[in-house]
Amino acid sequence: MRERMSHQERREGWRERIATFYDSGLSASQFCAEHGVKSHQFWYWLRRLIE
């Protein structure tokens, strides 16, 4: 059985993913498609992390 990630672990994972997005030069939709990320989750975390 898999242990649930803490909010802090999830937040750090998304922080790394967003940094990868900025370094990629891809559009948000291209990045999401290539990395298997749901676009609504991507935009949610992007807004959360830049506040």
Protein backbone atom coordinates (compact mmCIF):
# COMPACT_ATOMS: atom_id res chain seq x y z
CA MET A 1 0.00 0.00 0.00
CA ARG A 2 1.33 3.40 -1.00
CA GLU A 3 1.77 6.08 1.61
CA ARG A 4 0.20 9.42 0.84
CA MET A 5 2.52 12.29 0.11
CA SER A 6 2.43 15.19 2.53
CA HIS A 7 1.26 18.55 1.28
CA GLN A 8 4.84 19.82 1.51
CA GLU A 9 6.14 16.93 -0.63
CA ARG A 10 3.42 17.53 -3.22
CA ARG A 11 4.16 21.26 -3.21
CA GLU A 12 7.90 20.65 -3.71
CA GLY A 13 7.21 18.22 -6.56
CA TRP A 14 5.10 20.81 -8.32
CA ARG A 15 7.69 23.52 -7.67
CA GLU A 16 10.25 21.36 -9.48
CA ARG A 17 7.80 20.59 -12.28
CA ILE A 18 7.02 24.30 -12.80
CA ALA A 19 10.76 25.11 -12.88
CA THR A 20 11.21 22.40 -15.52
CA PHE A 21 8.37 23.97 -17.50
CA TYR A 22 10.03 27.41 -17.45
CA ASP A 23 13.34 25.90 -18.58
CA SER A 24 11.72 23.83 -21.33
CA GLY A 25 10.69 26.63 -23.68
CA LEU A 26 7.46 24.74 -24.38
CA SER A 27 3.96 26.15 -24.23
CA ALA A 28 1.92 25.05 -21.23
CA SER A 29 -0.22 22.72 -23.35
CA GLN A 30 2.86 21.14 -24.98
CA PHE A 31 4.54 20.68 -21.61
CA CYS A 32 1.46 19.07 -20.09
CA ALA A 33 1.06 16.68 -23.03
CA GLU A 34 4.73 15.66 -23.04
CA HIS A 35 4.94 15.20 -19.27
CA GLY A 36 1.57 13.56 -18.66
CA VAL A 37 0.32 16.46 -16.55
CA LYS A 38 -3.35 17.42 -16.49
CA SER A 39 -3.66 21.03 -17.58
CA HIS A 40 -6.08 21.99 -14.80
CA GLN A 41 -3.61 20.70 -12.19
CA PHE A 42 -0.76 22.54 -13.89
CA TRP A 43 -2.61 25.89 -13.81
CA TYR A 44 -3.80 25.32 -10.23
CA TRP A 45 -0.27 24.77 -8.96
CA LEU A 46 1.23 27.53 -11.09
CA ARG A 47 -1.19 30.02 -9.52
CA ARG A 48 -0.58 28.62 -6.02
CA LEU A 49 3.20 28.80 -6.30
CA ILE A 50 3.48 32.31 -7.71
CA GLU A 51 1.26 33.92 -5.08
